[in-house]
Amino acid sequence: RRRGNTPLKVFSNEALIFLGVLSLAGAIVFLG
């Protein structure tokens, strides 16, 4: 949603994606 609304805020958008990646890694670890 942020990328659609504020595409010029690259660093904060990528930070949110990075937090999603870390959370997904945690989910995969706990799935295992």
PDB file of all heavy atoms in Angstrom:
ATOM      1  N   ARG A   1       0.835  -1.212   0.000  1.00  0.00           N
ATOM      2  CA  ARG A   1       0.000   0.000   0.000  1.00  0.00           C
ATOM      3  C   ARG A   1       0.866   1.257   0.000  1.00  0.00           C
ATOM      4  O   ARG A   1       0.572   2.223  -0.703  1.00  0.00           O
ATOM      5  CB  ARG A   1      -0.913   0.006   1.217  1.00  0.00           C
ATOM      6  CG  ARG A   1      -2.135  -0.825   0.998  1.00  0.00           C
ATOM      7  CD  ARG A   1      -3.193  -0.546   2.053  1.00  0.00           C
ATOM      8  NE  ARG A   1      -3.865  -1.792   2.317  1.00  0.00           N
ATOM      9  CZ  ARG A   1      -3.985  -2.360   3.494  1.00  0.00           C
ATOM     10  NH1 ARG A   1      -3.502  -1.772   4.558  1.00  0.00           N
ATOM     11  NH2 ARG A   1      -4.604  -3.495   3.640  1.00  0.00           N
ATOM     12  N   ARG A   2       1.925   1.242   0.814  1.00  0.00           N
ATOM     13  CA  ARG A   2       2.804   2.428   0.881  1.00  0.00           C
ATOM     14  C   ARG A   2       3.495   2.678  -0.438  1.00  0.00           C
ATOM     15  O   ARG A   2       3.692   3.825  -0.827  1.00  0.00           O
ATOM     16  CB  ARG A   2       3.856   2.255   1.974  1.00  0.00           C
ATOM     17  CG  ARG A   2       3.412   2.807   3.302  1.00  0.00           C
ATOM     18  CD  ARG A   2       4.544   2.766   4.300  1.00  0.00           C
ATOM     19  NE  ARG A   2       5.668   3.579   3.894  1.00  0.00           N
ATOM     20  CZ  ARG A   2       5.868   4.837   4.265  1.00  0.00           C
ATOM     21  NH1 ARG A   2       5.006   5.436   5.028  1.00  0.00           N
ATOM     22  NH2 ARG A   2       6.935   5.486   3.868  1.00  0.00           N
ATOM     23  N   ARG A   3       3.879   1.614  -1.130  1.00  0.00           N
ATOM     24  CA  ARG A   3       4.521   1.802  -2.434  1.00  0.00           C
ATOM     25  C   ARG A   3       3.567   2.441  -3.427  1.00  0.00           C
ATOM     26  O   ARG A   3       3.994   3.193  -4.293  1.00  0.00           O
ATOM     27  CB  ARG A   3       5.018   0.476  -2.986  1.00  0.00           C
ATOM     28  CG  ARG A   3       6.387   0.132  -2.521  1.00  0.00           C
ATOM     29  CD  ARG A   3       6.899  -1.016  -3.326  1.00  0.00           C
ATOM     30  NE  ARG A   3       8.327  -1.091  -3.183  1.00  0.00           N
ATOM     31  CZ  ARG A   3       9.076  -1.904  -3.870  1.00  0.00           C
ATOM     32  NH1 ARG A   3       8.529  -2.724  -4.740  1.00  0.00           N
ATOM     33  NH2 ARG A   3      10.368  -1.921  -3.701  1.00  0.00           N
ATOM     34  N   GLY A   4       2.279   2.107  -3.311  1.00  0.00           N
ATOM     35  CA  GLY A   4       1.298   2.722  -4.200  1.00  0.00           C
ATOM     36  C   GLY A   4       1.036   4.174  -3.848  1.00  0.00           C
ATOM     37  O   GLY A   4       0.886   5.020  -4.726  1.00  0.00           O
ATOM     38  N   ASN A   5       0.982   4.471  -2.555  1.00  0.00           N
ATOM     39  CA  ASN A   5       0.666   5.827  -2.100  1.00  0.00           C
ATOM     40  C   ASN A   5       1.867   6.750  -2.124  1.00  0.00           C
ATOM     41  O   ASN A   5       1.762   7.919  -2.507  1.00  0.00           O
ATOM     42  CB  ASN A   5       0.077   5.799  -0.689  1.00  0.00           C
ATOM     43  CG  ASN A   5      -1.256   5.086  -0.649  1.00  0.00           C
ATOM     44  OD1 ASN A   5      -1.938   4.967  -1.652  1.00  0.00           O
ATOM     45  ND2 ASN A   5      -1.626   4.594   0.520  1.00  0.00           N
ATOM     46  N   THR A   6       3.005   6.260  -1.646  1.00  0.00           N
ATOM     47  CA  THR A   6       4.217   7.098  -1.558  1.00  0.00           C
ATOM     48  C   THR A   6       5.405   6.353  -2.174  1.00  0.00           C
ATOM     49  O   THR A   6       6.266   5.847  -1.449  1.00  0.00           O
ATOM     50  CB  THR A   6       4.531   7.466  -0.096  1.00  0.00           C
ATOM     51  OG1 THR A   6       4.637   6.258   0.658  1.00  0.00           O
ATOM     52  CG2 THR A   6       3.462   8.347   0.506  1.00  0.00           C
ATOM     53  N   PRO A   7       5.464   6.289  -3.498  1.00  0.00           N
ATOM     54  CA  PRO A   7       6.538   5.525  -4.142  1.00  0.00           C
ATOM     55  C   PRO A   7       7.926   6.151  -3.991  1.00  0.00           C
ATOM     56  O   PRO A   7       8.927   5.459  -4.148  1.00  0.00           O
ATOM     57  CB  PRO A   7       6.119   5.478  -5.612  1.00  0.00           C
ATOM     58  CG  PRO A   7       5.224   6.647  -5.794  1.00  0.00           C
ATOM     59  CD  PRO A   7       4.558   6.867  -4.475  1.00  0.00           C
ATOM     60  N   LEU A   8       7.989   7.434  -3.664  1.00  0.00           N
ATOM     61  CA  LEU A   8       9.292   8.088  -3.550  1.00  0.00           C
ATOM     62  C   LEU A   8       9.979   7.817  -2.214  1.00  0.00           C
ATOM     63  O   LEU A   8      11.166   8.072  -2.075  1.00  0.00           O
ATOM     64  CB  LEU A   8       9.140   9.594  -3.758  1.00  0.00           C
ATOM     65  CG  LEU A   8       8.654  10.010  -5.156  1.00  0.00           C
ATOM     66  CD1 LEU A   8       8.499  11.518  -5.234  1.00  0.00           C
ATOM     67  CD2 LEU A   8       9.594   9.503  -6.220  1.00  0.00           C
ATOM     68  N   LYS A   9       9.250   7.286  -1.250  1.00  0.00           N
ATOM     69  CA  LYS A   9       9.845   6.967   0.051  1.00  0.00           C
ATOM     70  C   LYS A   9      10.427   5.557  -0.012  1.00  0.00           C
ATOM     71  O   LYS A   9       9.935   4.612   0.613  1.00  0.00           O
ATOM     72  CB  LYS A   9       8.811   7.094   1.157  1.00  0.00           C
ATOM     73  CG  LYS A   9       8.340   8.522   1.347  1.00  0.00           C
ATOM     74  CD  LYS A   9       7.435   8.651   2.524  1.00  0.00           C
ATOM     75  CE  LYS A   9       7.072  10.114   2.735  1.00  0.00           C
ATOM     76  NZ  LYS A   9       6.202  10.291   3.886  1.00  0.00           N
ATOM     77  N   VAL A  10      11.513   5.438  -0.751  1.00  0.00           N
ATOM     78  CA  VAL A  10      12.101   4.139  -1.065  1.00  0.00           C
ATOM     79  C   VAL A  10      12.639   3.452   0.184  1.00  0.00           C
ATOM     80  O   VAL A  10      12.400   2.258   0.397  1.00  0.00           O
ATOM     81  CB  VAL A  10      13.222   4.312  -2.117  1.00  0.00           C
ATOM     82  CG1 VAL A  10      13.888   2.989  -2.417  1.00  0.00           C
ATOM     83  CG2 VAL A  10      12.669   4.933  -3.378  1.00  0.00           C
ATOM     84  N   PHE A  11      13.341   4.184   1.030  1.00  0.00           N
ATOM     85  CA  PHE A  11      13.995   3.562   2.174  1.00  0.00           C
ATOM     86  C   PHE A  11      12.988   3.029   3.187  1.00  0.00           C
ATOM     87  O   PHE A  11      13.144   1.918   3.696  1.00  0.00           O
ATOM     88  CB  PHE A  11      14.966   4.532   2.846  1.00  0.00           C
ATOM     89  CG  PHE A  11      16.152   4.855   1.988  1.00  0.00           C
ATOM     90  CD1 PHE A  11      16.383   6.148   1.573  1.00  0.00           C
ATOM     91  CD2 PHE A  11      17.016   3.861   1.585  1.00  0.00           C
ATOM     92  CE1 PHE A  11      17.468   6.444   0.770  1.00  0.00           C
ATOM     93  CE2 PHE A  11      18.105   4.146   0.773  1.00  0.00           C
ATOM     94  CZ  PHE A  11      18.324   5.434   0.370  1.00  0.00           C
ATOM     95  N   SER A  12      11.961   3.792   3.483  1.00  0.00           N
ATOM     96  CA  SER A  12      10.970   3.308   4.451  1.00  0.00           C
ATOM     97  C   SER A  12      10.155   2.159   3.865  1.00  0.00           C
ATOM     98  O   SER A  12       9.796   1.222   4.580  1.00  0.00           O
ATOM     99  CB  SER A  12      10.075   4.443   4.918  1.00  0.00           C
ATOM    100  OG  SER A  12       9.437   5.058   3.831  1.00  0.00           O
ATOM    101  N   ASN A  13       9.875   2.205   2.559  1.00  0.00           N
ATOM    102  CA  ASN A  13       9.161   1.093   1.931  1.00  0.00           C
ATOM    103  C   ASN A  13      10.001  -0.182   1.956  1.00  0.00           C
ATOM    104  O   ASN A  13       9.506  -1.266   2.252  1.00  0.00           O
ATOM    105  CB  ASN A  13       8.785   1.446   0.496  1.00  0.00           C
ATOM    106  CG  ASN A  13       7.744   2.542   0.421  1.00  0.00           C
ATOM    107  OD1 ASN A  13       7.006   2.782   1.374  1.00  0.00           O
ATOM    108  ND2 ASN A  13       7.683   3.229  -0.700  1.00  0.00           N
ATOM    109  N   GLU A  14      11.284  -0.059   1.660  1.00  0.00           N
ATOM    110  CA  GLU A  14      12.172  -1.227   1.698  1.00  0.00           C
ATOM    111  C   GLU A  14      12.359  -1.735   3.127  1.00  0.00           C
ATOM    112  O   GLU A  14      12.541  -2.929   3.345  1.00  0.00           O
ATOM    113  CB  GLU A  14      13.527  -0.890   1.072  1.00  0.00           C
ATOM    114  CG  GLU A  14      13.495  -0.764  -0.431  1.00  0.00           C
ATOM    115  CD  GLU A  14      13.216  -2.071  -1.152  1.00  0.00           C
ATOM    116  OE1 GLU A  14      13.711  -3.136  -0.723  1.00  0.00           O
ATOM    117  OE2 GLU A  14      12.483  -2.032  -2.149  1.00  0.00           O
ATOM    118  N   ALA A  15      12.322  -0.836   4.095  1.00  0.00           N
ATOM    119  CA  ALA A  15      12.430  -1.259   5.496  1.00  0.00           C
ATOM    120  C   ALA A  15      11.227  -2.114   5.887  1.00  0.00           C
ATOM    121  O   ALA A  15      11.377  -3.122   6.595  1.00  0.00           O
ATOM    122  CB  ALA A  15      12.550  -0.053   6.415  1.00  0.00           C
ATOM    123  N   LEU A  16      10.040  -1.730   5.422  1.00  0.00           N
ATOM    124  CA  LEU A  16       8.852  -2.540   5.704  1.00  0.00           C
ATOM    125  C   LEU A  16       8.957  -3.914   5.040  1.00  0.00           C
ATOM    126  O   LEU A  16       8.594  -4.932   5.633  1.00  0.00           O
ATOM    127  CB  LEU A  16       7.590  -1.823   5.215  1.00  0.00           C
ATOM    128  CG  LEU A  16       7.122  -0.660   6.058  1.00  0.00           C
ATOM    129  CD1 LEU A  16       5.963   0.056   5.381  1.00  0.00           C
ATOM    130  CD2 LEU A  16       6.720  -1.136   7.437  1.00  0.00           C
ATOM    131  N   ILE A  17       9.469  -3.945   3.811  1.00  0.00           N
ATOM    132  CA  ILE A  17       9.653  -5.221   3.132  1.00  0.00           C
ATOM    133  C   ILE A  17      10.673  -6.068   3.881  1.00  0.00           C
ATOM    134  O   ILE A  17      10.503  -7.285   4.044  1.00  0.00           O
ATOM    135  CB  ILE A  17      10.078  -4.992   1.664  1.00  0.00           C
ATOM    136  CG1 ILE A  17       8.941  -4.331   0.899  1.00  0.00           C
ATOM    137  CG2 ILE A  17      10.470  -6.301   1.000  1.00  0.00           C
ATOM    138  CD1 ILE A  17       9.317  -3.847  -0.478  1.00  0.00           C
ATOM    139  N   PHE A  18      11.735  -5.444   4.378  1.00  0.00           N
ATOM    140  CA  PHE A  18      12.749  -6.174   5.139  1.00  0.00           C
ATOM    141  C   PHE A  18      12.159  -6.770   6.416  1.00  0.00           C
ATOM    142  O   PHE A  18      12.458  -7.908   6.772  1.00  0.00           O
ATOM    143  CB  PHE A  18      13.913  -5.236   5.473  1.00  0.00           C
ATOM    144  CG  PHE A  18      15.007  -5.889   6.256  1.00  0.00           C
ATOM    145  CD1 PHE A  18      15.814  -6.849   5.682  1.00  0.00           C
ATOM    146  CD2 PHE A  18      15.226  -5.552   7.583  1.00  0.00           C
ATOM    147  CE1 PHE A  18      16.822  -7.455   6.411  1.00  0.00           C
ATOM    148  CE2 PHE A  18      16.227  -6.148   8.316  1.00  0.00           C
ATOM    149  CZ  PHE A  18      17.035  -7.105   7.724  1.00  0.00           C
ATOM    150  N   LEU A  19      11.304  -6.013   7.108  1.00  0.00           N
ATOM    151  CA  LEU A  19      10.640  -6.548   8.302  1.00  0.00           C
ATOM    152  C   LEU A  19       9.743  -7.723   7.934  1.00  0.00           C
ATOM    153  O   LEU A  19       9.656  -8.707   8.679  1.00  0.00           O
ATOM    154  CB  LEU A  19       9.843  -5.449   9.000  1.00  0.00           C
ATOM    155  CG  LEU A  19      10.665  -4.365   9.686  1.00  0.00           C
ATOM    156  CD1 LEU A  19       9.760  -3.243  10.177  1.00  0.00           C
ATOM    157  CD2 LEU A  19      11.477  -4.938  10.825  1.00  0.00           C
ATOM    158  N   GLY A  20       9.097  -7.645   6.781  1.00  0.00           N
ATOM    159  CA  GLY A  20       8.288  -8.768   6.311  1.00  0.00           C
ATOM    160  C   GLY A  20       9.134  -9.989   6.010  1.00  0.00           C
ATOM    161  O   GLY A  20       8.752 -11.129   6.323  1.00  0.00           O
ATOM    162  N   VAL A  21      10.306  -9.766   5.414  1.00  0.00           N
ATOM    163  CA  VAL A  21      11.221 -10.874   5.113  1.00  0.00           C
ATOM    164  C   VAL A  21      11.703 -11.543   6.402  1.00  0.00           C
ATOM    165  O   VAL A  21      11.737 -12.774   6.509  1.00  0.00           O
ATOM    166  CB  VAL A  21      12.410 -10.366   4.262  1.00  0.00           C
ATOM    167  CG1 VAL A  21      13.546 -11.367   4.233  1.00  0.00           C
ATOM    168  CG2 VAL A  21      11.950 -10.054   2.855  1.00  0.00           C
ATOM    169  N   LEU A  22      12.058 -10.732   7.394  1.00  0.00           N
ATOM    170  CA  LEU A  22      12.506 -11.300   8.670  1.00  0.00           C
ATOM    171  C   LEU A  22      11.389 -12.074   9.358  1.00  0.00           C
ATOM    172  O   LEU A  22      11.621 -13.152   9.920  1.00  0.00           O
ATOM    173  CB  LEU A  22      13.025 -10.191   9.586  1.00  0.00           C
ATOM    174  CG  LEU A  22      14.346  -9.542   9.201  1.00  0.00           C
ATOM    175  CD1 LEU A  22      14.713  -8.466  10.204  1.00  0.00           C
ATOM    176  CD2 LEU A  22      15.449 -10.564   9.104  1.00  0.00           C
ATOM    177  N   SER A  23      10.176 -11.543   9.315  1.00  0.00           N
ATOM    178  CA  SER A  23       9.043 -12.242   9.921  1.00  0.00           C
ATOM    179  C   SER A  23       8.756 -13.550   9.195  1.00  0.00           C
ATOM    180  O   SER A  23       8.440 -14.565   9.830  1.00  0.00           O
ATOM    181  CB  SER A  23       7.790 -11.357   9.885  1.00  0.00           C
ATOM    182  OG  SER A  23       8.006 -10.173  10.585  1.00  0.00           O
ATOM    183  N   LEU A  24       8.881 -13.527   7.885  1.00  0.00           N
ATOM    184  CA  LEU A  24       8.678 -14.757   7.110  1.00  0.00           C
ATOM    185  C   LEU A  24       9.749 -15.791   7.441  1.00  0.00           C
ATOM    186  O   LEU A  24       9.454 -16.988   7.535  1.00  0.00           O
ATOM    187  CB  LEU A  24       8.676 -14.447   5.609  1.00  0.00           C
ATOM    188  CG  LEU A  24       8.371 -15.607   4.686  1.00  0.00           C
ATOM    189  CD1 LEU A  24       6.998 -16.191   4.984  1.00  0.00           C
ATOM    190  CD2 LEU A  24       8.456 -15.159   3.238  1.00  0.00           C
ATOM    191  N   ALA A  25      10.968 -15.344   7.655  1.00  0.00           N
ATOM    192  CA  ALA A  25      12.033 -16.272   8.055  1.00  0.00           C
ATOM    193  C   ALA A  25      11.697 -16.909   9.402  1.00  0.00           C
ATOM    194  O   ALA A  25      11.879 -18.123   9.591  1.00  0.00           O
ATOM    195  CB  ALA A  25      13.375 -15.549   8.127  1.00  0.00           C
ATOM    196  N   GLY A  26      11.192 -16.118  10.343  1.00  0.00           N
ATOM    197  CA  GLY A  26      10.773 -16.658  11.635  1.00  0.00           C
ATOM    198  C   GLY A  26       9.647 -17.659  11.477  1.00  0.00           C
ATOM    199  O   GLY A  26       9.625 -18.705  12.139  1.00  0.00           O
ATOM    200  N   ALA A  27       8.698 -17.366  10.592  1.00  0.00           N
ATOM    201  CA  ALA A  27       7.587 -18.292  10.356  1.00  0.00           C
ATOM    202  C   ALA A  27       8.088 -19.617   9.792  1.00  0.00           C
ATOM    203  O   ALA A  27       7.627 -20.694  10.204  1.00  0.00           O
ATOM    204  CB  ALA A  27       6.577 -17.657   9.402  1.00  0.00           C
ATOM    205  N   ILE A  28       9.053 -19.552   8.897  1.00  0.00           N
ATOM    206  CA  ILE A  28       9.586 -20.784   8.296  1.00  0.00           C
ATOM    207  C   ILE A  28      10.349 -21.592   9.334  1.00  0.00           C
ATOM    208  O   ILE A  28      10.247 -22.825   9.393  1.00  0.00           O
ATOM    209  CB  ILE A  28      10.458 -20.445   7.071  1.00  0.00           C
ATOM    210  CG1 ILE A  28       9.560 -19.902   5.952  1.00  0.00           C
ATOM    211  CG2 ILE A  28      11.242 -21.652   6.591  1.00  0.00           C
ATOM    212  CD1 ILE A  28      10.307 -19.316   4.792  1.00  0.00           C
ATOM    213  N   VAL A  29      11.098 -20.922  10.189  1.00  0.00           N
ATOM    214  CA  VAL A  29      11.830 -21.623  11.248  1.00  0.00           C
ATOM    215  C   VAL A  29      10.859 -22.342  12.177  1.00  0.00           C
ATOM    216  O   VAL A  29      11.037 -23.529  12.503  1.00  0.00           O
ATOM    217  CB  VAL A  29      12.726 -20.630  12.039  1.00  0.00           C
ATOM    218  CG1 VAL A  29      13.201 -21.242  13.343  1.00  0.00           C
ATOM    219  CG2 VAL A  29      13.900 -20.186  11.193  1.00  0.00           C
ATOM    220  N   PHE A  30       9.817 -21.640  12.601  1.00  0.00           N
ATOM    221  CA  PHE A  30       8.858 -22.266  13.517  1.00  0.00           C
ATOM    222  C   PHE A  30       8.007 -23.322  12.821  1.00  0.00           C
ATOM    223  O   PHE A  30       7.552 -24.268  13.465  1.00  0.00           O
ATOM    224  CB  PHE A  30       7.991 -21.208  14.207  1.00  0.00           C
ATOM    225  CG  PHE A  30       8.729 -20.467  15.269  1.00  0.00           C
ATOM    226  CD1 PHE A  30       8.956 -19.110  15.166  1.00  0.00           C
ATOM    227  CD2 PHE A  30       9.226 -21.136  16.384  1.00  0.00           C
ATOM    228  CE1 PHE A  30       9.656 -18.439  16.144  1.00  0.00           C
ATOM    229  CE2 PHE A  30       9.925 -20.465  17.373  1.00  0.00           C
ATOM    230  CZ  PHE A  30      10.144 -19.109  17.253  1.00  0.00           C
ATOM    231  N   LEU A  31       7.816 -23.202  11.506  1.00  0.00           N
ATOM    232  CA  LEU A  31       7.142 -24.270  10.767  1.00  0.00           C
ATOM    233  C   LEU A  31       7.982 -25.540  10.795  1.00  0.00           C
ATOM    234  O   LEU A  31       7.463 -26.632  11.026  1.00  0.00           O
ATOM    235  CB  LEU A  31       6.866 -23.841   9.324  1.00  0.00           C
ATOM    236  CG  LEU A  31       6.240 -24.916   8.432  1.00  0.00           C
ATOM    237  CD1 LEU A  31       4.834 -25.239   8.925  1.00  0.00           C
ATOM    238  CD2 LEU A  31       6.226 -24.456   6.985  1.00  0.00           C
ATOM    239  N   GLY A  32       9.277 -25.360  10.600  1.00  0.00           N
ATOM    240  CA  GLY A  32      10.178 -26.518  10.671  1.00  0.00           C
ATOM    241  C   GLY A  32      10.177 -27.147  12.050  1.00  0.00           C
ATOM    242  O   GLY A  32      10.188 -28.373  12.187  1.00  0.00           O
TER     243      GLY A  32
END
